[in-house]
Amino acid sequence: MKKIFIKPTTDLLIIDPETNCPIPKEGVEVEDGQYWQRRLLDRDITIEEPKKSKKQ
């Protein structure tokens, strides 16, 4: 399955059905599927590019 990086768009708790844990505000990578497409259509999440960590 294709992986996507998602972030919640509101202060609502969006629960990941695989882990039963809330999605962090910083975002998380998940497997794309119907659940996440419904959340996207409801505008509960956005799909973004993951931020690259700065190397020191």
N, C-alpha and C. Protein backbone atom coordinates (compact mmCIF):
# COMPACT_ATOMS: atom_id res chain seq x y z
N MET A 1 0.82 -1.19 0.00
CA MET A 1 0.00 0.00 0.00
C MET A 1 0.86 1.25 0.00
N LYS A 2 0.31 2.29 -0.54
CA LYS A 2 0.99 3.57 -0.61
C LYS A 2 0.99 4.25 0.75
N LYS A 3 2.11 4.87 1.11
CA LYS A 3 2.21 5.61 2.38
C LYS A 3 1.98 7.09 2.10
N ILE A 4 1.29 7.76 3.03
CA ILE A 4 1.08 9.20 2.95
C ILE A 4 1.43 9.82 4.29
N PHE A 5 1.81 11.10 4.28
CA PHE A 5 2.10 11.83 5.51
C PHE A 5 0.92 12.75 5.76
N ILE A 6 0.28 12.60 6.91
CA ILE A 6 -0.92 13.37 7.22
C ILE A 6 -0.72 14.21 8.48
N LYS A 7 -1.49 15.30 8.54
CA LYS A 7 -1.54 16.15 9.73
C LYS A 7 -3.00 16.49 9.99
N PRO A 8 -3.40 16.57 11.26
CA PRO A 8 -4.76 17.00 11.56
C PRO A 8 -4.92 18.49 11.24
N THR A 9 -6.09 18.88 10.76
CA THR A 9 -6.33 20.28 10.41
C THR A 9 -7.00 21.06 11.54
N THR A 10 -7.52 20.36 12.52
CA THR A 10 -8.23 21.01 13.61
C THR A 10 -7.67 20.53 14.94
N ASP A 11 -8.23 21.03 16.01
CA ASP A 11 -7.83 20.58 17.34
C ASP A 11 -8.54 19.29 17.75
N LEU A 12 -9.32 18.72 16.84
CA LEU A 12 -9.98 17.44 17.13
C LEU A 12 -8.94 16.33 17.23
N LEU A 13 -9.24 15.34 18.04
CA LEU A 13 -8.38 14.16 18.10
C LEU A 13 -8.77 13.23 16.96
N ILE A 14 -7.84 12.98 16.07
CA ILE A 14 -8.05 12.05 14.97
C ILE A 14 -7.35 10.75 15.36
N ILE A 15 -8.11 9.69 15.50
CA ILE A 15 -7.56 8.41 15.96
C ILE A 15 -7.12 7.56 14.77
N ASP A 16 -5.91 7.03 14.86
CA ASP A 16 -5.41 6.09 13.86
C ASP A 16 -6.03 4.73 14.17
N PRO A 17 -6.81 4.17 13.24
CA PRO A 17 -7.46 2.89 13.53
C PRO A 17 -6.48 1.72 13.67
N GLU A 18 -5.28 1.85 13.16
CA GLU A 18 -4.29 0.78 13.28
C GLU A 18 -3.67 0.74 14.68
N THR A 19 -3.41 1.93 15.25
CA THR A 19 -2.73 2.00 16.55
C THR A 19 -3.66 2.35 17.70
N ASN A 20 -4.86 2.84 17.38
CA ASN A 20 -5.82 3.33 18.38
C ASN A 20 -5.26 4.49 19.18
N CYS A 21 -4.31 5.23 18.60
CA CYS A 21 -3.72 6.40 19.23
C CYS A 21 -4.03 7.64 18.39
N PRO A 22 -4.08 8.81 19.03
CA PRO A 22 -4.32 10.03 18.27
C PRO A 22 -3.15 10.36 17.34
N ILE A 23 -3.47 11.01 16.22
CA ILE A 23 -2.44 11.47 15.30
C ILE A 23 -1.79 12.71 15.91
N PRO A 24 -0.46 12.76 16.00
CA PRO A 24 0.19 13.94 16.58
C PRO A 24 0.02 15.17 15.68
N LYS A 25 0.04 16.35 16.30
CA LYS A 25 -0.11 17.61 15.55
C LYS A 25 1.00 17.79 14.52
N GLU A 26 2.18 17.19 14.79
CA GLU A 26 3.31 17.30 13.86
C GLU A 26 3.10 16.45 12.63
N GLY A 27 2.16 15.52 12.69
CA GLY A 27 1.87 14.64 11.57
C GLY A 27 2.51 13.28 11.73
N VAL A 28 2.09 12.36 10.87
CA VAL A 28 2.57 10.99 10.93
C VAL A 28 2.39 10.35 9.56
N GLU A 29 3.23 9.35 9.27
CA GLU A 29 3.10 8.60 8.03
C GLU A 29 2.21 7.40 8.27
N VAL A 30 1.23 7.22 7.40
CA VAL A 30 0.28 6.11 7.51
C VAL A 30 0.09 5.48 6.14
N GLU A 31 -0.49 4.28 6.13
CA GLU A 31 -0.85 3.65 4.87
C GLU A 31 -2.15 4.26 4.37
N ASP A 32 -2.15 4.67 3.11
CA ASP A 32 -3.35 5.26 2.50
C ASP A 32 -4.45 4.22 2.45
N GLY A 33 -5.67 4.66 2.64
CA GLY A 33 -6.81 3.76 2.60
C GLY A 33 -8.11 4.54 2.66
N GLN A 34 -9.22 3.83 2.66
CA GLN A 34 -10.53 4.46 2.68
C GLN A 34 -10.73 5.34 3.90
N TYR A 35 -10.26 4.89 5.06
CA TYR A 35 -10.43 5.67 6.28
C TYR A 35 -9.81 7.06 6.13
N TRP A 36 -8.56 7.10 5.64
CA TRP A 36 -7.86 8.38 5.52
C TRP A 36 -8.44 9.21 4.38
N GLN A 37 -8.95 8.59 3.34
CA GLN A 37 -9.58 9.35 2.27
C GLN A 37 -10.88 9.99 2.76
N ARG A 38 -11.62 9.30 3.63
CA ARG A 38 -12.82 9.90 4.22
C ARG A 38 -12.46 11.07 5.12
N ARG A 39 -11.40 10.92 5.92
CA ARG A 39 -10.96 12.02 6.79
C ARG A 39 -10.53 13.21 5.94
N LEU A 40 -9.90 12.96 4.80
CA LEU A 40 -9.48 14.01 3.89
C LEU A 40 -10.69 14.73 3.29
N LEU A 41 -11.69 13.97 2.85
CA LEU A 41 -12.91 14.57 2.30
C LEU A 41 -13.66 15.39 3.35
N ASP A 42 -13.60 14.96 4.61
CA ASP A 42 -14.24 15.69 5.71
C ASP A 42 -13.40 16.89 6.16
N ARG A 43 -12.22 17.04 5.57
CA ARG A 43 -11.27 18.12 5.90
C ARG A 43 -10.78 18.03 7.35
N ASP A 44 -10.70 16.80 7.86
CA ASP A 44 -10.16 16.58 9.19
C ASP A 44 -8.64 16.46 9.17
N ILE A 45 -8.08 16.09 7.99
CA ILE A 45 -6.63 15.95 7.84
C ILE A 45 -6.19 16.61 6.54
N THR A 46 -4.88 16.85 6.44
CA THR A 46 -4.28 17.27 5.18
C THR A 46 -3.15 16.31 4.88
N ILE A 47 -2.87 16.14 3.59
CA ILE A 47 -1.74 15.33 3.16
C ILE A 47 -0.61 16.30 2.85
N GLU A 48 0.54 16.08 3.44
CA GLU A 48 1.68 16.98 3.29
C GLU A 48 2.94 16.19 3.04
N GLU A 49 3.98 16.91 2.67
CA GLU A 49 5.31 16.32 2.55
C GLU A 49 5.92 16.30 3.95
N PRO A 50 6.55 15.20 4.35
CA PRO A 50 7.18 15.19 5.67
C PRO A 50 8.32 16.19 5.73
N LYS A 51 8.45 16.87 6.87
CA LYS A 51 9.54 17.82 7.05
C LYS A 51 10.84 17.07 7.22
N LYS A 52 11.85 17.53 6.53
CA LYS A 52 13.18 16.91 6.66
C LYS A 52 13.83 17.45 7.92
N SER A 53 14.43 16.58 8.69
CA SER A 53 15.12 17.03 9.90
C SER A 53 16.44 17.67 9.50
N LYS A 54 16.80 18.71 10.22
CA LYS A 54 18.05 19.42 9.93
C LYS A 54 19.23 18.62 10.45
N LYS A 55 20.22 18.43 9.60
CA LYS A 55 21.43 17.74 10.04
C LYS A 55 22.37 18.76 10.66
N GLN A 56 23.02 18.36 11.73
CA GLN A 56 23.91 19.28 12.43
C GLN A 56 25.33 19.08 12.00
